[in-house]
Amino acid sequence: MSLSSSELDRYCQRIGMSAPLRRDAATLHGLHHLHPLAIPFENLDSWLGREVSLDPAAVFAKLVDGRRGGYCFEQNLLFREVLESLGFAVQGLAARVVWNLPAGVSLPRTHMLLLVTLDDTRFVADVGFGGLTLTAPLLLDSSAVQQTPHESARLVHDGSHYILQAEVGGAWQALYRFGLDEQTSADYAMANYFVSTHAQSRFVQQLIAGRPGPALRHALLDGRYSRHYLGKPSEQRQLTEAAGLRAVLQHDLGIELGALPELDRKIATLFTSTQGSER
């Protein structure tokens, strides 16, 4: 589904893209940089028990016109629509997240990313990986270290799969593992249903949000708010009241909360359970 010229204009206003849109590498890099800085990663809907719709019109209404954020399926579905509307060849992929997991633990393929082909060059694009969302596309067919506006990254090919690694705190950390099998809308619908409704999904159990800024990354996990600076020590604080959490969601992460009337009640239970565990 291609976006109309009006929708592309509204998307560009949302992310602050003023350069002309063309099917070229400069446009791909510009969009990939600005999108995650403007449209935060967040799972408020699944945390609140709401349905997470992957209908393209609903995703656009939520992330662009509604000034909300979303998680990987929503973010990358929107980004795919934008790129395809500009004439890029885009293929949907799926990955197993391995970040912060013990060796030998294997999760289902519940992360969405994109393979973008421009002439004969293939890029990995991903504007929806939580606290470490890429801020630049990566060359797929390169094992070299690649610089982004934030962390350095690289793709390691083990013969059958690719592993995305990021340099965090001076060490290389594996984020996820993926192959090049194309995913369909049905594949994403099934994965999205698990992620957004299963009782053991962390996107149901926890509040998770993040957004990169020009020289830092904002990260929120339940009531713990962190600022990870580029080249400087991180700052972290434990939020102790609902007003402080709402302020972080609105002002630091840039999420419009007006259409979430049940949010205050859910936040209250978060702090009640936290206080109860401290007794």
Protein backbone atom coordinates (compact mmCIF):
# COMPACT_ATOMS: atom_id res chain seq x y z
CA MET A 1 0.00 0.00 0.00
CA SER A 2 1.56 3.26 -1.16
CA LEU A 3 1.23 6.45 0.80
CA SER A 4 -0.38 9.47 -0.81
CA SER A 5 1.57 12.68 -1.30
CA SER A 6 -0.37 14.18 1.61
CA GLU A 7 0.58 11.26 3.87
CA LEU A 8 4.23 11.50 2.85
CA ASP A 9 4.12 15.22 3.66
CA ARG A 10 2.64 14.53 7.11
CA TYR A 11 5.23 11.83 7.75
CA CYS A 12 8.06 14.19 6.80
CA GLN A 13 6.64 16.88 9.09
CA ARG A 14 6.42 14.30 11.88
CA ILE A 15 10.10 13.37 11.66
CA GLY A 16 11.45 16.77 10.59
CA MET A 17 12.60 15.72 7.11
CA SER A 18 12.97 18.77 4.88
CA ALA A 19 15.26 17.41 2.13
CA PRO A 20 13.64 16.30 -1.14
CA LEU A 21 12.55 12.66 -1.15
CA ARG A 22 14.29 10.58 -3.79
CA ARG A 23 15.10 6.92 -4.33
CA ASP A 24 18.73 7.28 -3.34
CA ALA A 25 21.12 6.49 -0.50
CA ALA A 26 21.02 10.02 0.90
CA THR A 27 17.26 9.86 1.35
CA LEU A 28 17.46 6.39 2.91
CA HIS A 29 20.08 7.56 5.41
CA GLY A 30 18.20 10.78 6.16
CA LEU A 31 14.91 9.04 6.84
CA HIS A 32 16.56 6.30 8.89
CA HIS A 33 18.28 8.88 11.06
CA LEU A 34 15.30 11.14 11.69
CA HIS A 35 12.54 8.54 12.08
CA PRO A 36 13.69 7.04 15.43
CA LEU A 37 14.62 10.46 16.81
CA ALA A 38 11.02 11.61 16.32
CA ILE A 39 8.87 8.47 16.67
CA PRO A 40 9.67 6.74 19.96
CA PHE A 41 9.72 3.03 20.65
CA GLU A 42 6.94 2.21 23.13
CA ASN A 43 4.62 -0.64 24.06
CA LEU A 44 1.89 1.24 25.90
CA ASP A 45 -0.90 -0.55 24.03
CA SER A 46 0.19 -4.10 24.85
CA TRP A 47 1.06 -3.06 28.42
CA LEU A 48 -2.46 -1.65 28.81
CA GLY A 49 -4.07 -4.76 27.32
CA ARG A 50 -5.05 -3.03 24.08
CA GLU A 51 -5.01 -4.66 20.67
CA VAL A 52 -1.95 -3.74 18.62
CA SER A 53 -3.21 -3.33 15.07
CA LEU A 54 -0.90 -3.85 12.10
CA ASP A 55 -3.42 -2.41 9.66
CA PRO A 56 -1.38 0.14 7.67
CA ALA A 57 -3.95 2.91 8.08
CA ALA A 58 -4.15 2.32 11.83
CA VAL A 59 -0.36 2.32 12.17
CA PHE A 60 -0.09 5.59 10.25
CA ALA A 61 -2.87 7.18 12.29
CA LYS A 62 -1.22 6.16 15.56
CA LEU A 63 2.47 6.92 14.86
CA VAL A 64 2.12 9.93 12.56
CA ASP A 65 -1.17 11.73 13.11
CA GLY A 66 -1.62 10.57 16.72
CA ARG A 67 2.01 11.35 17.62
CA ARG A 68 2.40 8.08 19.49
CA GLY A 69 5.20 5.56 19.17
CA GLY A 70 5.16 1.84 18.64
CA TYR A 71 7.25 -1.30 18.67
CA CYS A 72 9.10 -3.09 15.88
CA PHE A 73 6.16 -4.28 13.78
CA GLU A 74 4.49 -0.86 13.75
CA GLN A 75 7.71 1.11 13.28
CA ASN A 76 9.09 -0.98 10.45
CA LEU A 77 5.75 -1.44 8.71
CA LEU A 78 5.42 2.34 8.55
CA PHE A 79 9.02 2.74 7.41
CA ARG A 80 8.51 0.09 4.74
CA GLU A 81 5.46 1.92 3.43
CA VAL A 82 7.42 5.15 3.19
CA LEU A 83 10.32 3.53 1.36
CA GLU A 84 8.14 1.58 -1.05
CA SER A 85 6.19 4.75 -1.82
CA LEU A 86 9.50 6.27 -2.93
CA GLY A 87 10.35 3.31 -5.17
CA PHE A 88 12.74 1.38 -2.93
CA ALA A 89 12.66 -2.42 -3.10
CA VAL A 90 11.92 -3.62 0.45
CA GLN A 91 11.64 -7.11 1.93
CA GLY A 92 10.45 -7.91 5.44
CA LEU A 93 12.67 -10.13 7.60
CA ALA A 94 12.44 -11.61 11.09
CA ALA A 95 15.05 -12.01 13.81
CA ARG A 96 15.60 -13.82 17.09
CA VAL A 97 16.64 -11.38 19.80
CA VAL A 98 19.77 -12.51 21.67
CA TRP A 99 20.65 -9.30 23.50
CA ASN A 100 21.22 -9.88 27.23
CA LEU A 101 20.24 -13.55 26.99
CA PRO A 102 22.29 -16.38 28.52
CA ALA A 103 24.11 -18.65 26.09
CA GLY A 104 21.92 -21.43 24.76
CA VAL A 105 18.61 -19.60 25.29
CA SER A 106 16.64 -19.26 22.08
CA LEU A 107 13.62 -17.00 21.63
CA PRO A 108 11.09 -17.14 18.77
CA ARG A 109 11.59 -14.87 15.76
CA THR A 110 9.55 -11.96 17.04
CA HIS A 111 11.57 -8.99 15.81
CA MET A 112 10.85 -7.34 12.46
CA LEU A 113 13.53 -5.70 10.34
CA LEU A 114 13.85 -4.74 6.69
CA LEU A 115 16.10 -5.57 3.75
CA VAL A 116 16.28 -2.59 1.40
CA THR A 117 17.81 -2.97 -2.06
CA LEU A 118 18.97 0.11 -3.96
CA ASP A 119 20.26 -0.81 -7.40
CA ASP A 120 22.81 -3.54 -6.54
CA THR A 121 23.38 -2.53 -2.91
CA ARG A 122 21.58 -4.23 -0.02
CA PHE A 123 20.95 -2.48 3.29
CA VAL A 124 19.58 -3.64 6.63
CA ALA A 125 17.07 -1.07 7.90
CA ASP A 126 15.53 -1.22 11.36
CA VAL A 127 13.84 1.72 13.09
CA GLY A 128 12.25 -0.35 15.87
CA PHE A 129 14.71 -2.09 18.19
CA GLY A 130 13.91 -0.52 21.54
CA GLY A 131 16.75 1.03 23.47
CA LEU A 132 19.31 0.39 20.72
CA THR A 133 17.37 1.26 17.58
CA LEU A 134 19.69 1.85 14.65
CA THR A 135 19.96 5.45 13.48
CA ALA A 136 21.43 4.52 10.09
CA PRO A 137 20.97 1.67 7.62
CA LEU A 138 23.78 -0.89 7.45
CA LEU A 139 25.37 -2.42 4.39
CA LEU A 140 24.41 -6.07 4.44
CA ASP A 141 27.30 -7.35 2.37
CA SER A 142 30.06 -5.95 4.55
CA SER A 143 31.75 -7.31 7.66
CA ALA A 144 33.43 -3.99 8.40
CA VAL A 145 32.59 -1.81 11.38
CA GLN A 146 29.96 0.70 10.28
CA GLN A 147 29.47 4.06 11.94
CA THR A 148 26.03 5.40 12.81
CA PRO A 149 25.14 8.72 14.46
CA HIS A 150 25.11 6.71 17.70
CA GLU A 151 26.93 3.41 18.28
CA SER A 152 29.24 1.66 15.86
CA ALA A 153 27.68 -1.51 14.45
CA ARG A 154 28.65 -4.51 12.38
CA LEU A 155 27.07 -7.55 10.77
CA VAL A 156 28.68 -10.93 11.35
CA HIS A 157 27.78 -13.71 8.91
CA ASP A 158 28.08 -17.22 10.34
CA GLY A 159 27.38 -19.03 7.07
CA SER A 160 23.61 -19.27 7.36
CA HIS A 161 22.55 -16.25 9.39
CA TYR A 162 23.60 -12.70 10.14
CA ILE A 163 24.19 -11.36 13.64
CA LEU A 164 23.79 -7.66 14.31
CA GLN A 165 26.28 -6.40 16.87
CA ALA A 166 26.62 -2.95 18.44
CA GLU A 167 29.54 -1.48 20.33
CA VAL A 168 28.17 -0.60 23.77
CA GLY A 169 30.41 0.59 26.57
CA GLY A 170 33.54 -0.38 24.64
CA ALA A 171 32.40 -3.98 24.05
CA TRP A 172 30.64 -5.67 21.16
CA GLN A 173 27.19 -6.99 22.04
CA ALA A 174 25.03 -9.20 19.84
CA LEU A 175 21.52 -7.79 19.44
CA TYR A 176 19.74 -10.26 17.18
CA ARG A 177 20.22 -13.05 14.64
CA PHE A 178 18.38 -13.18 11.33
CA GLY A 179 18.23 -14.86 7.94
CA LEU A 180 17.05 -13.58 4.57
CA ASP A 181 13.81 -15.56 4.35
CA GLU A 182 11.07 -13.14 3.36
CA GLN A 183 8.26 -12.75 5.89
CA THR A 184 4.62 -12.26 4.95
CA SER A 185 1.92 -10.23 6.64
CA ALA A 186 0.60 -13.49 8.11
CA ASP A 187 3.99 -14.18 9.71
CA TYR A 188 3.99 -10.77 11.33
CA ALA A 189 0.36 -11.09 12.44
CA MET A 190 1.17 -14.31 14.29
CA ALA A 191 4.31 -12.89 15.92
CA ASN A 192 2.51 -9.67 16.82
CA TYR A 193 -0.30 -11.61 18.46
CA PHE A 194 2.19 -13.49 20.65
CA VAL A 195 4.19 -10.40 21.57
CA SER A 196 1.16 -8.26 22.37
CA THR A 197 -1.09 -10.78 24.18
CA HIS A 198 0.85 -13.72 25.62
CA ALA A 199 1.09 -13.65 29.40
CA GLN A 200 4.81 -14.41 29.29
CA SER A 201 5.63 -11.68 26.77
CA ARG A 202 7.72 -8.92 28.30
CA PHE A 203 5.72 -6.44 26.20
CA VAL A 204 2.65 -7.46 28.21
CA GLN A 205 4.43 -7.65 31.55
CA GLN A 206 6.55 -4.48 31.44
CA LEU A 207 6.42 -0.89 30.28
CA ILE A 208 9.22 -0.39 27.76
CA ALA A 209 10.05 2.79 25.88
CA GLY A 210 13.07 4.45 24.29
CA ARG A 211 14.14 7.19 21.93
CA PRO A 212 17.55 8.28 20.65
CA GLY A 213 18.39 11.96 20.86
CA PRO A 214 21.15 13.90 19.11
CA ALA A 215 23.81 12.82 21.65
CA LEU A 216 22.12 10.32 23.93
CA ARG A 217 19.51 7.60 24.25
CA HIS A 218 16.46 7.77 26.51
CA ALA A 219 15.37 4.42 27.96
CA LEU A 220 12.46 3.55 30.24
CA LEU A 221 11.79 0.16 31.85
CA ASP A 222 8.80 0.27 34.17
CA GLY A 223 9.81 3.01 36.63
CA ARG A 224 13.53 3.08 35.83
CA TYR A 225 14.49 5.97 33.54
CA SER A 226 17.98 6.10 32.01
CA ARG A 227 19.89 8.53 29.85
CA HIS A 228 22.75 6.90 27.99
CA TYR A 229 25.10 9.59 26.68
CA LEU A 230 27.55 9.20 23.82
CA GLY A 231 31.06 9.23 25.27
CA LYS A 232 29.92 10.01 28.82
CA PRO A 233 28.64 7.97 31.78
CA SER A 234 24.96 7.13 31.82
CA GLU A 235 22.50 8.63 34.30
CA GLN A 236 19.75 6.56 35.87
CA ARG A 237 16.97 7.30 38.31
CA GLN A 238 14.11 5.34 39.79
CA LEU A 239 10.82 7.17 39.38
CA THR A 240 8.71 7.15 42.51
CA GLU A 241 5.43 8.74 41.47
CA ALA A 242 2.95 8.67 38.62
CA ALA A 243 3.43 12.33 37.71
CA GLY A 244 7.14 11.78 37.17
CA LEU A 245 6.51 8.80 34.91
CA ARG A 246 3.97 10.69 32.84
CA ALA A 247 6.44 13.56 32.47
CA VAL A 248 9.13 11.21 31.16
CA LEU A 249 6.71 9.61 28.71
CA GLN A 250 5.48 12.94 27.40
CA HIS A 251 8.48 15.24 27.54
CA ASP A 252 11.57 13.04 27.36
CA LEU A 253 10.20 10.31 25.12
CA GLY A 254 7.77 12.52 23.19
CA ILE A 255 4.65 10.34 23.43
CA GLU A 256 1.20 11.89 23.14
CA LEU A 257 -0.85 10.41 26.00
CA GLY A 258 -4.22 12.10 25.48
CA ALA A 259 -5.90 9.06 23.90
CA LEU A 260 -5.01 6.73 26.78
CA PRO A 261 -7.59 7.40 29.53
CA GLU A 262 -6.78 4.14 31.33
CA LEU A 263 -3.07 4.95 31.64
CA ASP A 264 -3.20 6.62 35.05
CA ARG A 265 -4.88 3.61 36.62
CA LYS A 266 -2.25 1.26 35.14
CA ILE A 267 0.59 3.51 36.28
CA ALA A 268 -0.87 3.52 39.78
CA THR A 269 -0.74 -0.27 39.92
CA LEU A 270 2.88 -0.17 38.80
CA PHE A 271 3.89 2.01 41.74
CA THR A 272 1.67 0.11 44.14
CA SER A 273 3.35 -3.18 43.23
CA THR A 274 6.79 -1.57 43.47
CA GLN A 275 6.10 -0.15 46.92
CA GLY A 276 4.66 -3.46 48.06
CA SER A 277 7.79 -5.35 47.00
CA GLU A 278 9.95 -2.95 48.98
CA ARG A 279 8.16 -3.63 52.29
